[in-house]
């Protein structure tokens, strides 16, 4: 299942999983939960670039507090 969620599985493996998910409701729910969690992590755990001026300003304020 991990390789399928990662997009690394062969098409045949995907068909085997699709058949299993069609027959097993708990498996279906687990698979879709895993996929949803991965999507949330992809969108929420991304690296955001911060302007250098902001970083410098924050560092300066920290130094002033010390």
C-alpha atoms as a PDB file:
ATOM      1  CA  UNK A   1       0.000   0.000   0.000  1.00  0.00           C
ATOM      2  CA  UNK A   2       2.860   2.392   0.787  1.00  0.00           C
ATOM      3  CA  UNK A   3       4.291   2.143  -2.714  1.00  0.00           C
ATOM      4  CA  UNK A   4       0.858   2.830  -4.189  1.00  0.00           C
ATOM      5  CA  UNK A   5       0.349   5.866  -1.969  1.00  0.00           C
ATOM      6  CA  UNK A   6       3.833   7.054  -2.942  1.00  0.00           C
ATOM      7  CA  UNK A   7       3.002   6.597  -6.626  1.00  0.00           C
ATOM      8  CA  UNK A   8       5.752   3.997  -7.057  1.00  0.00           C
ATOM      9  CA  UNK A   9       3.696   0.824  -7.561  1.00  0.00           C
ATOM     10  CA  UNK A  10       3.218  -1.025 -10.809  1.00  0.00           C
ATOM     11  CA  UNK A  11      -0.164  -0.825 -12.503  1.00  0.00           C
ATOM     12  CA  UNK A  12      -0.801  -4.508 -11.722  1.00  0.00           C
ATOM     13  CA  UNK A  13      -0.231  -3.871  -8.010  1.00  0.00           C
ATOM     14  CA  UNK A  14      -2.696  -1.009  -8.167  1.00  0.00           C
ATOM     15  CA  UNK A  15      -5.321  -3.309  -9.715  1.00  0.00           C
ATOM     16  CA  UNK A  16      -4.764  -5.897  -6.969  1.00  0.00           C
ATOM     17  CA  UNK A  17      -5.260  -3.230  -4.316  1.00  0.00           C
ATOM     18  CA  UNK A  18      -8.366  -1.878  -6.060  1.00  0.00           C
ATOM     19  CA  UNK A  19      -9.894  -5.370  -5.964  1.00  0.00           C
ATOM     20  CA  UNK A  20      -9.094  -5.752  -2.277  1.00  0.00           C
ATOM     21  CA  UNK A  21     -10.489  -2.311  -1.443  1.00  0.00           C
ATOM     22  CA  UNK A  22     -13.707  -3.156  -3.289  1.00  0.00           C
ATOM     23  CA  UNK A  23     -14.190  -6.237  -1.077  1.00  0.00           C
ATOM     24  CA  UNK A  24     -12.976  -4.934   2.287  1.00  0.00           C
ATOM     25  CA  UNK A  25     -14.646  -1.855   3.781  1.00  0.00           C
ATOM     26  CA  UNK A  26     -12.116  -1.412   6.643  1.00  0.00           C
ATOM     27  CA  UNK A  27      -9.276  -1.648   4.095  1.00  0.00           C
ATOM     28  CA  UNK A  28     -11.023   0.918   1.891  1.00  0.00           C
ATOM     29  CA  UNK A  29     -11.438   3.310   4.815  1.00  0.00           C
ATOM     30  CA  UNK A  30      -7.835   2.826   5.967  1.00  0.00           C
ATOM     31  CA  UNK A  31      -6.462   3.441   2.476  1.00  0.00           C
ATOM     32  CA  UNK A  32      -8.435   6.644   2.016  1.00  0.00           C
ATOM     33  CA  UNK A  33      -7.530   7.872   5.496  1.00  0.00           C
ATOM     34  CA  UNK A  34      -3.834   7.301   4.742  1.00  0.00           C
ATOM     35  CA  UNK A  35      -4.177   9.140   1.443  1.00  0.00           C
ATOM     36  CA  UNK A  36      -5.955  12.070   3.105  1.00  0.00           C
ATOM     37  CA  UNK A  37      -3.288  12.312   5.809  1.00  0.00           C
ATOM     38  CA  UNK A  38      -0.546  12.378   3.168  1.00  0.00           C
ATOM     39  CA  UNK A  39      -2.326  15.148   1.280  1.00  0.00           C
ATOM     40  CA  UNK A  40      -2.680  17.253   4.422  1.00  0.00           C
ATOM     41  CA  UNK A  41       0.987  16.752   5.245  1.00  0.00           C
ATOM     42  CA  UNK A  42       2.008  17.749   1.722  1.00  0.00           C
ATOM     43  CA  UNK A  43       0.040  20.976   1.864  1.00  0.00           C
ATOM     44  CA  UNK A  44       0.704  21.949   5.480  1.00  0.00           C
ATOM     45  CA  UNK A  45       4.327  20.865   5.898  1.00  0.00           C
ATOM     46  CA  UNK A  46       5.917  22.839   3.127  1.00  0.00           C
ATOM     47  CA  UNK A  47       8.906  25.073   3.521  1.00  0.00           C
ATOM     48  CA  UNK A  48       8.070  28.735   3.175  1.00  0.00           C
ATOM     49  CA  UNK A  49      10.751  31.229   2.301  1.00  0.00           C
ATOM     50  CA  UNK A  50      10.858  34.219   4.598  1.00  0.00           C
ATOM     51  CA  UNK A  51      12.195  37.585   3.443  1.00  0.00           C
ATOM     52  CA  UNK A  52      15.732  38.219   4.663  1.00  0.00           C
ATOM     53  CA  UNK A  53      14.679  41.586   6.064  1.00  0.00           C
ATOM     54  CA  UNK A  54      12.134  39.908   8.325  1.00  0.00           C
ATOM     55  CA  UNK A  55      14.693  37.400   9.607  1.00  0.00           C
ATOM     56  CA  UNK A  56      17.182  40.188  10.303  1.00  0.00           C
ATOM     57  CA  UNK A  57      14.533  42.254  12.073  1.00  0.00           C
ATOM     58  CA  UNK A  58      13.524  39.347  14.320  1.00  0.00           C
ATOM     59  CA  UNK A  59      17.156  38.573  15.159  1.00  0.00           C
ATOM     60  CA  UNK A  60      17.792  42.213  16.001  1.00  0.00           C
ATOM     61  CA  UNK A  61      14.776  42.342  18.323  1.00  0.00           C
ATOM     62  CA  UNK A  62      15.932  39.147  20.059  1.00  0.00           C
ATOM     63  CA  UNK A  63      19.366  40.681  20.611  1.00  0.00           C
ATOM     64  CA  UNK A  64      17.753  43.809  22.063  1.00  0.00           C
ATOM     65  CA  UNK A  65      15.780  41.707  24.550  1.00  0.00           C
ATOM     66  CA  UNK A  66      18.881  39.858  25.770  1.00  0.00           C
END
